[in-house]
């Protein structure tokens, strides 16, 4: 009799523990506040991605608690990434090719092996901007001037050396027969600083993304002379592609999400489910269209493979051995 009672008690305890563990584990992201860590200042590319995520997750009621955006200002993007890396699985951060290129250039110790890739969300495109009264009507004329004298013009970008803004312009120049190492590249801390310098003629051209330049472009504070798309973009029909100007460059800038390295497989699966639901909503698709971004969702497993392939390409790119097409 005692053995029977003991068995029942043990069985009940096991069932209770199993139930509690399942209950706690099944809804980790619903039980905890979510934090998106953004490196840099508000309105930058990472912040705009975080704002869209926050808006859609809350509007579609995909989470039970508010989504918080934490800004890590000052320093480089490493500051925000490092902050996130020391937190729990309810903290994530945005990434891009900077995670790969900065380490290859020796300006960062953070690699993709220090984090957990969670998703690739979207891609956007690079553009080249010039002042409204610039003598260059298109990118071809700009490259022609650079080819005659590569150090005659100043090309601005922000916020980090080796980002897609700088690399995409360097590739276009190289395809035009220009030594990219002779170009005067000037780095600015933010897109706002960059565009102000362009308007003030402190630089002759700026290489940036559609997201960051859209406002000034629509306000006619600057003009765009080239995009890295295969065809002209909606809303930017007057902007020629590099391809139609004789430069066979198609270059996309991807944005992704990553978490701390120590995330469990259960945490990763939860993020996979949540982010997939987010990218399937009408709200997400609407916001992407407004931003001029292209949907490119990949889950954690696919994102890891994608980033490994990108790393190999950037190794070759930075060494000048392969074109991005």
C-alpha atoms as a PDB file:
ATOM      1  CA  UNK A   1       0.000   0.000   0.000  1.00  0.00           C
ATOM      2  CA  UNK A   2       2.796   2.394   0.973  1.00  0.00           C
ATOM      3  CA  UNK A   3       4.625   1.597  -2.249  1.00  0.00           C
ATOM      4  CA  UNK A   4       1.455   2.392  -4.202  1.00  0.00           C
ATOM      5  CA  UNK A   5       0.994   5.746  -2.471  1.00  0.00           C
ATOM      6  CA  UNK A   6       4.677   6.610  -2.959  1.00  0.00           C
ATOM      7  CA  UNK A   7       4.419   5.781  -6.656  1.00  0.00           C
ATOM      8  CA  UNK A   8       1.377   8.033  -7.053  1.00  0.00           C
ATOM      9  CA  UNK A   9       3.117  10.904  -5.235  1.00  0.00           C
ATOM     10  CA  UNK A  10       6.264  10.574  -7.381  1.00  0.00           C
ATOM     11  CA  UNK A  11       4.150  10.356 -10.531  1.00  0.00           C
ATOM     12  CA  UNK A  12       2.219  13.497  -9.577  1.00  0.00           C
ATOM     13  CA  UNK A  13       5.442  15.361  -8.831  1.00  0.00           C
ATOM     14  CA  UNK A  14       6.906  14.378 -12.185  1.00  0.00           C
ATOM     15  CA  UNK A  15       3.738  15.435 -13.988  1.00  0.00           C
ATOM     16  CA  UNK A  16       3.730  18.754 -12.123  1.00  0.00           C
ATOM     17  CA  UNK A  17       7.383  19.436 -12.932  1.00  0.00           C
ATOM     18  CA  UNK A  18       6.892  18.477 -16.563  1.00  0.00           C
ATOM     19  CA  UNK A  19       3.793  20.689 -16.827  1.00  0.00           C
ATOM     20  CA  UNK A  20       5.531  23.648 -15.195  1.00  0.00           C
ATOM     21  CA  UNK A  21       8.623  23.271 -17.376  1.00  0.00           C
ATOM     22  CA  UNK A  22       6.477  23.070 -20.477  1.00  0.00           C
ATOM     23  CA  UNK A  23       4.394  26.032 -19.425  1.00  0.00           C
ATOM     24  CA  UNK A  24       7.460  28.133 -18.681  1.00  0.00           C
ATOM     25  CA  UNK A  25       9.297  27.064 -21.823  1.00  0.00           C
ATOM     26  CA  UNK A  26       6.472  27.229 -24.310  1.00  0.00           C
ATOM     27  CA  UNK A  27       5.892  30.952 -23.957  1.00  0.00           C
ATOM     28  CA  UNK A  28       9.244  32.484 -23.099  1.00  0.00           C
ATOM     29  CA  UNK A  29       8.771  35.425 -25.477  1.00  0.00           C
ATOM     30  CA  UNK A  30       5.225  35.983 -24.271  1.00  0.00           C
ATOM     31  CA  UNK A  31       6.207  36.000 -20.600  1.00  0.00           C
ATOM     32  CA  UNK A  32       9.084  38.449 -20.947  1.00  0.00           C
ATOM     33  CA  UNK A  33       9.370  41.980 -22.272  1.00  0.00           C
ATOM     34  CA  UNK A  34      11.245  42.090 -25.568  1.00  0.00           C
ATOM     35  CA  UNK A  35      14.159  44.422 -26.199  1.00  0.00           C
ATOM     36  CA  UNK A  36      15.632  45.467 -29.538  1.00  0.00           C
ATOM     37  CA  UNK A  37      19.087  46.938 -29.023  1.00  0.00           C
ATOM     38  CA  UNK A  38      19.967  49.621 -31.579  1.00  0.00           C
ATOM     39  CA  UNK A  39      23.508  50.814 -32.149  1.00  0.00           C
ATOM     40  CA  UNK A  40      23.681  54.501 -32.966  1.00  0.00           C
ATOM     41  CA  UNK A  41      21.171  57.312 -33.067  1.00  0.00           C
ATOM     42  CA  UNK A  42      17.421  57.316 -33.783  1.00  0.00           C
ATOM     43  CA  UNK A  43      16.329  57.417 -37.443  1.00  0.00           C
ATOM     44  CA  UNK A  44      19.371  55.494 -38.678  1.00  0.00           C
ATOM     45  CA  UNK A  45      18.962  52.324 -40.725  1.00  0.00           C
ATOM     46  CA  UNK A  46      19.014  50.000 -37.714  1.00  0.00           C
ATOM     47  CA  UNK A  47      16.543  52.171 -35.822  1.00  0.00           C
ATOM     48  CA  UNK A  48      14.120  52.313 -38.728  1.00  0.00           C
ATOM     49  CA  UNK A  49      14.145  48.517 -38.913  1.00  0.00           C
ATOM     50  CA  UNK A  50      13.581  48.268 -35.156  1.00  0.00           C
ATOM     51  CA  UNK A  51      10.709  50.761 -35.321  1.00  0.00           C
ATOM     52  CA  UNK A  52       8.972  48.754 -38.035  1.00  0.00           C
ATOM     53  CA  UNK A  53       9.400  45.537 -36.046  1.00  0.00           C
ATOM     54  CA  UNK A  54       8.043  47.141 -32.871  1.00  0.00           C
ATOM     55  CA  UNK A  55       5.067  48.620 -34.698  1.00  0.00           C
ATOM     56  CA  UNK A  56       4.076  45.384 -36.430  1.00  0.00           C
ATOM     57  CA  UNK A  57       4.608  43.095 -33.427  1.00  0.00           C
ATOM     58  CA  UNK A  58       2.442  45.318 -31.229  1.00  0.00           C
ATOM     59  CA  UNK A  59      -0.168  46.261 -33.821  1.00  0.00           C
ATOM     60  CA  UNK A  60      -0.728  42.639 -34.842  1.00  0.00           C
ATOM     61  CA  UNK A  61      -0.758  41.584 -31.164  1.00  0.00           C
ATOM     62  CA  UNK A  62       1.918  38.977 -31.775  1.00  0.00           C
ATOM     63  CA  UNK A  63       3.357  39.634 -28.312  1.00  0.00           C
ATOM     64  CA  UNK A  64       1.709  40.143 -24.943  1.00  0.00           C
ATOM     65  CA  UNK A  65       3.985  42.900 -23.715  1.00  0.00           C
ATOM     66  CA  UNK A  66       5.370  46.117 -25.236  1.00  0.00           C
ATOM     67  CA  UNK A  67       8.468  45.873 -27.410  1.00  0.00           C
ATOM     68  CA  UNK A  68      11.239  48.151 -26.130  1.00  0.00           C
ATOM     69  CA  UNK A  69      13.964  49.775 -28.219  1.00  0.00           C
ATOM     70  CA  UNK A  70      17.223  50.395 -26.361  1.00  0.00           C
ATOM     71  CA  UNK A  71      19.662  52.859 -27.927  1.00  0.00           C
ATOM     72  CA  UNK A  72      23.385  52.457 -27.387  1.00  0.00           C
ATOM     73  CA  UNK A  73      24.723  55.798 -28.539  1.00  0.00           C
ATOM     74  CA  UNK A  74      28.313  56.812 -28.968  1.00  0.00           C
ATOM     75  CA  UNK A  75      31.123  54.614 -30.147  1.00  0.00           C
ATOM     76  CA  UNK A  76      30.654  52.129 -32.950  1.00  0.00           C
ATOM     77  CA  UNK A  77      28.004  49.528 -33.699  1.00  0.00           C
ATOM     78  CA  UNK A  78      29.998  47.169 -31.490  1.00  0.00           C
ATOM     79  CA  UNK A  79      28.650  48.983 -28.435  1.00  0.00           C
ATOM     80  CA  UNK A  80      25.084  47.867 -29.064  1.00  0.00           C
ATOM     81  CA  UNK A  81      26.077  44.400 -30.210  1.00  0.00           C
ATOM     82  CA  UNK A  82      28.238  43.812 -27.134  1.00  0.00           C
ATOM     83  CA  UNK A  83      25.448  45.028 -24.857  1.00  0.00           C
ATOM     84  CA  UNK A  84      23.028  42.565 -26.460  1.00  0.00           C
ATOM     85  CA  UNK A  85      25.542  39.699 -26.342  1.00  0.00           C
ATOM     86  CA  UNK A  86      25.660  39.955 -22.540  1.00  0.00           C
ATOM     87  CA  UNK A  87      21.877  39.694 -22.122  1.00  0.00           C
ATOM     88  CA  UNK A  88      19.215  36.977 -22.176  1.00  0.00           C
ATOM     89  CA  UNK A  89      17.246  35.526 -25.107  1.00  0.00           C
ATOM     90  CA  UNK A  90      14.586  38.250 -24.959  1.00  0.00           C
ATOM     91  CA  UNK A  91      17.217  40.744 -26.148  1.00  0.00           C
ATOM     92  CA  UNK A  92      18.012  40.956 -29.855  1.00  0.00           C
ATOM     93  CA  UNK A  93      19.875  43.363 -32.095  1.00  0.00           C
ATOM     94  CA  UNK A  94      19.904  44.307 -35.755  1.00  0.00           C
ATOM     95  CA  UNK A  95      22.734  43.364 -38.055  1.00  0.00           C
ATOM     96  CA  UNK A  96      23.854  43.813 -41.632  1.00  0.00           C
ATOM     97  CA  UNK A  97      27.006  43.190 -43.631  1.00  0.00           C
ATOM     98  CA  UNK A  98      28.775  45.399 -41.066  1.00  0.00           C
ATOM     99  CA  UNK A  99      28.936  42.387 -38.769  1.00  0.00           C
ATOM    100  CA  UNK A 100      31.117  40.703 -41.376  1.00  0.00           C
ATOM    101  CA  UNK A 101      33.067  43.531 -43.001  1.00  0.00           C
ATOM    102  CA  UNK A 102      34.134  45.354 -39.833  1.00  0.00           C
ATOM    103  CA  UNK A 103      35.870  42.271 -38.515  1.00  0.00           C
ATOM    104  CA  UNK A 104      37.525  41.571 -41.867  1.00  0.00           C
ATOM    105  CA  UNK A 105      38.850  45.143 -41.908  1.00  0.00           C
ATOM    106  CA  UNK A 106      40.206  44.800 -38.374  1.00  0.00           C
ATOM    107  CA  UNK A 107      37.919  47.446 -36.877  1.00  0.00           C
ATOM    108  CA  UNK A 108      35.842  45.034 -34.766  1.00  0.00           C
ATOM    109  CA  UNK A 109      36.403  41.936 -32.670  1.00  0.00           C
ATOM    110  CA  UNK A 110      32.776  40.817 -32.991  1.00  0.00           C
ATOM    111  CA  UNK A 111      32.129  37.999 -35.459  1.00  0.00           C
ATOM    112  CA  UNK A 112      29.063  35.992 -36.406  1.00  0.00           C
ATOM    113  CA  UNK A 113      30.391  33.215 -34.152  1.00  0.00           C
ATOM    114  CA  UNK A 114      29.816  35.498 -31.140  1.00  0.00           C
ATOM    115  CA  UNK A 115      26.068  35.770 -31.768  1.00  0.00           C
ATOM    116  CA  UNK A 116      23.079  33.668 -32.812  1.00  0.00           C
ATOM    117  CA  UNK A 117      21.724  34.557 -36.278  1.00  0.00           C
ATOM    118  CA  UNK A 118      17.932  34.606 -35.982  1.00  0.00           C
ATOM    119  CA  UNK A 119      16.668  35.910 -39.312  1.00  0.00           C
ATOM    120  CA  UNK A 120      17.277  37.879 -42.457  1.00  0.00           C
ATOM    121  CA  UNK A 121      14.307  40.207 -42.787  1.00  0.00           C
ATOM    122  CA  UNK A 122      14.679  42.366 -45.871  1.00  0.00           C
ATOM    123  CA  UNK A 123      17.051  43.958 -48.298  1.00  0.00           C
ATOM    124  CA  UNK A 124      17.327  47.488 -49.585  1.00  0.00           C
ATOM    125  CA  UNK A 125      19.405  49.233 -52.184  1.00  0.00           C
ATOM    126  CA  UNK A 126      22.325  51.598 -52.397  1.00  0.00           C
ATOM    127  CA  UNK A 127      22.149  54.989 -54.106  1.00  0.00           C
ATOM    128  CA  UNK A 128      24.550  57.795 -54.926  1.00  0.00           C
ATOM    129  CA  UNK A 129      23.446  61.331 -54.040  1.00  0.00           C
ATOM    130  CA  UNK A 130      24.866  64.680 -55.151  1.00  0.00           C
ATOM    131  CA  UNK A 131      23.933  68.316 -54.368  1.00  0.00           C
ATOM    132  CA  UNK A 132      21.007  69.761 -56.326  1.00  0.00           C
ATOM    133  CA  UNK A 133      23.368  72.077 -58.222  1.00  0.00           C
ATOM    134  CA  UNK A 134      25.977  69.388 -58.878  1.00  0.00           C
ATOM    135  CA  UNK A 135      27.581  69.417 -62.322  1.00  0.00           C
ATOM    136  CA  UNK A 136      27.000  65.671 -62.532  1.00  0.00           C
ATOM    137  CA  UNK A 137      23.689  64.678 -64.097  1.00  0.00           C
ATOM    138  CA  UNK A 138      24.247  60.959 -63.550  1.00  0.00           C
ATOM    139  CA  UNK A 139      26.603  58.425 -62.047  1.00  0.00           C
ATOM    140  CA  UNK A 140      28.407  57.867 -65.340  1.00  0.00           C
ATOM    141  CA  UNK A 141      29.546  61.503 -65.423  1.00  0.00           C
ATOM    142  CA  UNK A 142      30.669  61.257 -61.800  1.00  0.00           C
ATOM    143  CA  UNK A 143      32.765  58.161 -62.506  1.00  0.00           C
ATOM    144  CA  UNK A 144      34.194  59.775 -65.646  1.00  0.00           C
ATOM    145  CA  UNK A 145      35.500  62.673 -63.553  1.00  0.00           C
ATOM    146  CA  UNK A 146      36.944  60.244 -61.012  1.00  0.00           C
ATOM    147  CA  UNK A 147      38.624  58.218 -63.728  1.00  0.00           C
ATOM    148  CA  UNK A 148      40.403  61.325 -65.036  1.00  0.00           C
ATOM    149  CA  UNK A 149      41.588  62.170 -61.514  1.00  0.00           C
ATOM    150  CA  UNK A 150      40.545  59.716 -58.760  1.00  0.00           C
ATOM    151  CA  UNK A 151      41.513  62.022 -55.889  1.00  0.00           C
ATOM    152  CA  UNK A 152      39.749  65.074 -57.335  1.00  0.00           C
ATOM    153  CA  UNK A 153      36.400  64.420 -55.630  1.00  0.00           C
ATOM    154  CA  UNK A 154      35.320  63.674 -52.072  1.00  0.00           C
ATOM    155  CA  UNK A 155      32.881  60.791 -51.584  1.00  0.00           C
ATOM    156  CA  UNK A 156      31.093  60.677 -48.234  1.00  0.00           C
ATOM    157  CA  UNK A 157      29.504  57.757 -46.380  1.00  0.00           C
ATOM    158  CA  UNK A 158      28.318  56.877 -42.854  1.00  0.00           C
ATOM    159  CA  UNK A 159      28.721  55.544 -40.254  1.00  0.00           C
ATOM    160  CA  UNK A 160      31.473  52.890 -40.515  1.00  0.00           C
ATOM    161  CA  UNK A 161      34.388  51.989 -42.745  1.00  0.00           C
ATOM    162  CA  UNK A 162      33.762  48.894 -44.829  1.00  0.00           C
ATOM    163  CA  UNK A 163      29.974  49.169 -44.844  1.00  0.00           C
ATOM    164  CA  UNK A 164      27.917  48.425 -47.955  1.00  0.00           C
ATOM    165  CA  UNK A 165      27.688  52.125 -48.789  1.00  0.00           C
ATOM    166  CA  UNK A 166      31.447  52.398 -49.205  1.00  0.00           C
ATOM    167  CA  UNK A 167      31.935  48.959 -50.740  1.00  0.00           C
ATOM    168  CA  UNK A 168      29.189  49.347 -53.352  1.00  0.00           C
ATOM    169  CA  UNK A 169      30.608  52.641 -54.598  1.00  0.00           C
ATOM    170  CA  UNK A 170      34.129  51.209 -54.627  1.00  0.00           C
ATOM    171  CA  UNK A 171      32.886  48.282 -56.736  1.00  0.00           C
ATOM    172  CA  UNK A 172      31.150  50.593 -59.222  1.00  0.00           C
ATOM    173  CA  UNK A 173      34.348  52.635 -59.511  1.00  0.00           C
ATOM    174  CA  UNK A 174      36.467  49.532 -59.968  1.00  0.00           C
ATOM    175  CA  UNK A 175      34.151  48.287 -62.721  1.00  0.00           C
ATOM    176  CA  UNK A 176      34.691  51.641 -64.447  1.00  0.00           C
ATOM    177  CA  UNK A 177      38.462  51.109 -64.363  1.00  0.00           C
ATOM    178  CA  UNK A 178      39.142  53.321 -61.332  1.00  0.00           C
ATOM    179  CA  UNK A 179      41.503  52.312 -58.538  1.00  0.00           C
ATOM    180  CA  UNK A 180      39.177  52.459 -55.483  1.00  0.00           C
ATOM    181  CA  UNK A 181      42.134  52.924 -53.155  1.00  0.00           C
ATOM    182  CA  UNK A 182      42.786  56.338 -54.711  1.00  0.00           C
ATOM    183  CA  UNK A 183      39.294  57.661 -54.036  1.00  0.00           C
ATOM    184  CA  UNK A 184      38.959  60.225 -51.246  1.00  0.00           C
ATOM    185  CA  UNK A 185      36.373  58.611 -48.985  1.00  0.00           C
ATOM    186  CA  UNK A 186      35.211  60.694 -46.016  1.00  0.00           C
ATOM    187  CA  UNK A 187      33.423  58.983 -43.113  1.00  0.00           C
ATOM    188  CA  UNK A 188      30.651  60.703 -41.139  1.00  0.00           C
ATOM    189  CA  UNK A 189      29.124  59.620 -37.840  1.00  0.00           C
ATOM    190  CA  UNK A 190      25.521  59.667 -39.068  1.00  0.00           C
ATOM    191  CA  UNK A 191      23.443  59.986 -42.214  1.00  0.00           C
ATOM    192  CA  UNK A 192      22.238  63.407 -41.059  1.00  0.00           C
ATOM    193  CA  UNK A 193      25.832  64.643 -40.798  1.00  0.00           C
ATOM    194  CA  UNK A 194      26.590  63.164 -44.192  1.00  0.00           C
ATOM    195  CA  UNK A 195      23.674  64.795 -45.999  1.00  0.00           C
ATOM    196  CA  UNK A 196      24.324  68.151 -44.355  1.00  0.00           C
ATOM    197  CA  UNK A 197      27.913  67.954 -45.564  1.00  0.00           C
ATOM    198  CA  UNK A 198      26.640  67.122 -49.048  1.00  0.00           C
ATOM    199  CA  UNK A 199      24.237  70.061 -49.092  1.00  0.00           C
ATOM    200  CA  UNK A 200      27.044  72.334 -47.851  1.00  0.00           C
ATOM    201  CA  UNK A 201      29.334  71.023 -50.625  1.00  0.00           C
ATOM    202  CA  UNK A 202      31.822  69.596 -48.146  1.00  0.00           C
ATOM    203  CA  UNK A 203      31.647  66.404 -50.207  1.00  0.00           C
ATOM    204  CA  UNK A 204      30.903  66.021 -53.904  1.00  0.00           C
ATOM    205  CA  UNK A 205      28.788  62.888 -53.583  1.00  0.00           C
ATOM    206  CA  UNK A 206      27.382  60.578 -50.921  1.00  0.00           C
ATOM    207  CA  UNK A 207      26.881  56.850 -51.113  1.00  0.00           C
ATOM    208  CA  UNK A 208      24.032  55.640 -48.903  1.00  0.00           C
ATOM    209  CA  UNK A 209      20.808  53.607 -48.822  1.00  0.00           C
ATOM    210  CA  UNK A 210      17.319  54.348 -50.074  1.00  0.00           C
ATOM    211  CA  UNK A 211      15.991  54.308 -46.511  1.00  0.00           C
ATOM    212  CA  UNK A 212      18.311  56.990 -45.227  1.00  0.00           C
ATOM    213  CA  UNK A 213      18.129  59.306 -48.223  1.00  0.00           C
ATOM    214  CA  UNK A 214      14.397  59.139 -48.962  1.00  0.00           C
ATOM    215  CA  UNK A 215      13.367  62.143 -46.823  1.00  0.00           C
ATOM    216  CA  UNK A 216      15.938  64.551 -48.282  1.00  0.00           C
ATOM    217  CA  UNK A 217      15.282  63.248 -51.776  1.00  0.00           C
ATOM    218  CA  UNK A 218      11.526  63.832 -51.485  1.00  0.00           C
ATOM    219  CA  UNK A 219      12.189  67.326 -50.067  1.00  0.00           C
ATOM    220  CA  UNK A 220      14.408  67.968 -53.123  1.00  0.00           C
ATOM    221  CA  UNK A 221      17.399  68.804 -50.950  1.00  0.00           C
ATOM    222  CA  UNK A 222      19.615  66.575 -53.105  1.00  0.00           C
ATOM    223  CA  UNK A 223      19.429  64.488 -56.262  1.00  0.00           C
ATOM    224  CA  UNK A 224      20.181  60.849 -56.900  1.00  0.00           C
ATOM    225  CA  UNK A 225      22.348  59.792 -59.837  1.00  0.00           C
ATOM    226  CA  UNK A 226      22.539  55.995 -59.525  1.00  0.00           C
ATOM    227  CA  UNK A 227      21.014  52.975 -57.785  1.00  0.00           C
ATOM    228  CA  UNK A 228      22.365  49.444 -57.376  1.00  0.00           C
ATOM    229  CA  UNK A 229      19.052  47.852 -58.422  1.00  0.00           C
ATOM    230  CA  UNK A 230      18.460  45.816 -61.573  1.00  0.00           C
ATOM    231  CA  UNK A 231      15.634  48.174 -62.587  1.00  0.00           C
ATOM    232  CA  UNK A 232      14.360  51.578 -61.497  1.00  0.00           C
ATOM    233  CA  UNK A 233      12.553  51.669 -58.174  1.00  0.00           C
ATOM    234  CA  UNK A 234       8.943  52.708 -57.583  1.00  0.00           C
ATOM    235  CA  UNK A 235       8.974  56.270 -56.301  1.00  0.00           C
ATOM    236  CA  UNK A 236      12.460  56.804 -57.721  1.00  0.00           C
ATOM    237  CA  UNK A 237      11.654  56.522 -61.414  1.00  0.00           C
ATOM    238  CA  UNK A 238      13.988  59.383 -62.334  1.00  0.00           C
ATOM    239  CA  UNK A 239      17.012  57.630 -60.808  1.00  0.00           C
ATOM    240  CA  UNK A 240      18.989  55.505 -63.290  1.00  0.00           C
ATOM    241  CA  UNK A 241      20.528  52.191 -62.276  1.00  0.00           C
ATOM    242  CA  UNK A 242      24.267  51.604 -62.511  1.00  0.00           C
ATOM    243  CA  UNK A 243      23.452  48.815 -64.941  1.00  0.00           C
ATOM    244  CA  UNK A 244      21.795  51.122 -67.473  1.00  0.00           C
ATOM    245  CA  UNK A 245      24.796  53.452 -67.190  1.00  0.00           C
ATOM    246  CA  UNK A 246      27.160  50.736 -68.345  1.00  0.00           C
ATOM    247  CA  UNK A 247      28.260  49.515 -64.896  1.00  0.00           C
ATOM    248  CA  UNK A 248      27.064  45.894 -64.358  1.00  0.00           C
ATOM    249  CA  UNK A 249      26.600  46.310 -60.617  1.00  0.00           C
ATOM    250  CA  UNK A 250      23.604  44.914 -58.727  1.00  0.00           C
ATOM    251  CA  UNK A 251      24.185  45.216 -55.002  1.00  0.00           C
ATOM    252  CA  UNK A 252      21.654  44.715 -52.216  1.00  0.00           C
ATOM    253  CA  UNK A 253      22.039  45.671 -48.572  1.00  0.00           C
ATOM    254  CA  UNK A 254      20.432  43.133 -46.229  1.00  0.00           C
ATOM    255  CA  UNK A 255      19.143  43.637 -42.704  1.00  0.00           C
ATOM    256  CA  UNK A 256      18.879  40.846 -40.177  1.00  0.00           C
ATOM    257  CA  UNK A 257      18.285  39.999 -36.544  1.00  0.00           C
ATOM    258  CA  UNK A 258      20.569  38.250 -34.079  1.00  0.00           C
ATOM    259  CA  UNK A 259      20.552  37.270 -30.420  1.00  0.00           C
ATOM    260  CA  UNK A 260      23.064  36.288 -27.736  1.00  0.00           C
ATOM    261  CA  UNK A 261      25.284  33.306 -28.470  1.00  0.00           C
ATOM    262  CA  UNK A 262      24.030  31.277 -25.499  1.00  0.00           C
ATOM    263  CA  UNK A 263      20.427  31.015 -26.754  1.00  0.00           C
ATOM    264  CA  UNK A 264      18.858  27.571 -26.397  1.00  0.00           C
ATOM    265  CA  UNK A 265      17.288  25.699 -29.297  1.00  0.00           C
ATOM    266  CA  UNK A 266      13.900  26.325 -27.693  1.00  0.00           C
ATOM    267  CA  UNK A 267      14.541  30.083 -27.638  1.00  0.00           C
ATOM    268  CA  UNK A 268      15.634  29.998 -31.271  1.00  0.00           C
ATOM    269  CA  UNK A 269      12.499  28.113 -32.313  1.00  0.00           C
ATOM    270  CA  UNK A 270      10.335  30.665 -30.519  1.00  0.00           C
ATOM    271  CA  UNK A 271      12.032  33.529 -32.330  1.00  0.00           C
ATOM    272  CA  UNK A 272      11.697  31.655 -35.622  1.00  0.00           C
ATOM    273  CA  UNK A 273       7.957  31.304 -35.108  1.00  0.00           C
ATOM    274  CA  UNK A 274       7.466  34.905 -33.993  1.00  0.00           C
ATOM    275  CA  UNK A 275       9.530  36.509 -36.758  1.00  0.00           C
ATOM    276  CA  UNK A 276       7.959  34.345 -39.446  1.00  0.00           C
ATOM    277  CA  UNK A 277       4.488  35.380 -38.279  1.00  0.00           C
ATOM    278  CA  UNK A 278       5.594  39.020 -38.275  1.00  0.00           C
ATOM    279  CA  UNK A 279       6.903  38.901 -41.862  1.00  0.00           C
ATOM    280  CA  UNK A 280       3.701  37.249 -43.104  1.00  0.00           C
ATOM    281  CA  UNK A 281       1.403  40.040 -41.874  1.00  0.00           C
ATOM    282  CA  UNK A 282      -0.121  42.665 -44.142  1.00  0.00           C
ATOM    283  CA  UNK A 283       1.237  45.337 -41.809  1.00  0.00           C
ATOM    284  CA  UNK A 284       4.818  44.174 -42.366  1.00  0.00           C
ATOM    285  CA  UNK A 285       4.418  44.010 -46.130  1.00  0.00           C
ATOM    286  CA  UNK A 286       2.834  47.460 -46.158  1.00  0.00           C
ATOM    287  CA  UNK A 287       5.670  48.974 -44.136  1.00  0.00           C
ATOM    288  CA  UNK A 288       8.295  47.369 -46.367  1.00  0.00           C
ATOM    289  CA  UNK A 289       6.654  48.887 -49.432  1.00  0.00           C
ATOM    290  CA  UNK A 290       6.577  52.308 -47.764  1.00  0.00           C
ATOM    291  CA  UNK A 291      10.275  52.040 -46.974  1.00  0.00           C
ATOM    292  CA  UNK A 292      11.250  50.810 -50.416  1.00  0.00           C
ATOM    293  CA  UNK A 293      12.591  47.553 -48.963  1.00  0.00           C
ATOM    294  CA  UNK A 294      12.298  44.109 -50.521  1.00  0.00           C
ATOM    295  CA  UNK A 295      11.119  41.189 -48.374  1.00  0.00           C
ATOM    296  CA  UNK A 296      13.760  38.502 -47.930  1.00  0.00           C
ATOM    297  CA  UNK A 297      12.810  36.450 -44.892  1.00  0.00           C
ATOM    298  CA  UNK A 298      15.099  33.619 -43.815  1.00  0.00           C
ATOM    299  CA  UNK A 299      14.774  31.732 -40.549  1.00  0.00           C
ATOM    300  CA  UNK A 300      17.645  31.146 -38.122  1.00  0.00           C
ATOM    301  CA  UNK A 301      19.071  28.134 -39.926  1.00  0.00           C
ATOM    302  CA  UNK A 302      18.829  29.776 -43.345  1.00  0.00           C
ATOM    303  CA  UNK A 303      20.239  33.052 -41.995  1.00  0.00           C
ATOM    304  CA  UNK A 304      23.314  31.283 -40.626  1.00  0.00           C
ATOM    305  CA  UNK A 305      24.033  29.615 -43.980  1.00  0.00           C
ATOM    306  CA  UNK A 306      23.393  32.892 -45.813  1.00  0.00           C
ATOM    307  CA  UNK A 307      25.771  34.823 -43.564  1.00  0.00           C
ATOM    308  CA  UNK A 308      28.481  32.184 -43.936  1.00  0.00           C
ATOM    309  CA  UNK A 309      28.205  32.536 -47.717  1.00  0.00           C
ATOM    310  CA  UNK A 310      28.219  36.322 -47.418  1.00  0.00           C
ATOM    311  CA  UNK A 311      31.344  36.150 -45.282  1.00  0.00           C
ATOM    312  CA  UNK A 312      33.193  34.288 -48.018  1.00  0.00           C
ATOM    313  CA  UNK A 313      32.029  36.828 -50.601  1.00  0.00           C
ATOM    314  CA  UNK A 314      33.106  39.769 -48.463  1.00  0.00           C
ATOM    315  CA  UNK A 315      36.502  38.195 -47.910  1.00  0.00           C
ATOM    316  CA  UNK A 316      36.946  38.150 -51.679  1.00  0.00           C
ATOM    317  CA  UNK A 317      35.331  41.573 -52.148  1.00  0.00           C
ATOM    318  CA  UNK A 318      37.529  43.349 -49.648  1.00  0.00           C
ATOM    319  CA  UNK A 319      40.558  41.741 -51.242  1.00  0.00           C
ATOM    320  CA  UNK A 320      39.324  42.999 -54.616  1.00  0.00           C
ATOM    321  CA  UNK A 321      39.130  39.530 -56.136  1.00  0.00           C
ATOM    322  CA  UNK A 322      35.467  39.243 -57.070  1.00  0.00           C
ATOM    323  CA  UNK A 323      32.679  41.538 -58.266  1.00  0.00           C
ATOM    324  CA  UNK A 324      29.265  41.578 -56.651  1.00  0.00           C
ATOM    325  CA  UNK A 325      26.708  40.892 -59.346  1.00  0.00           C
END
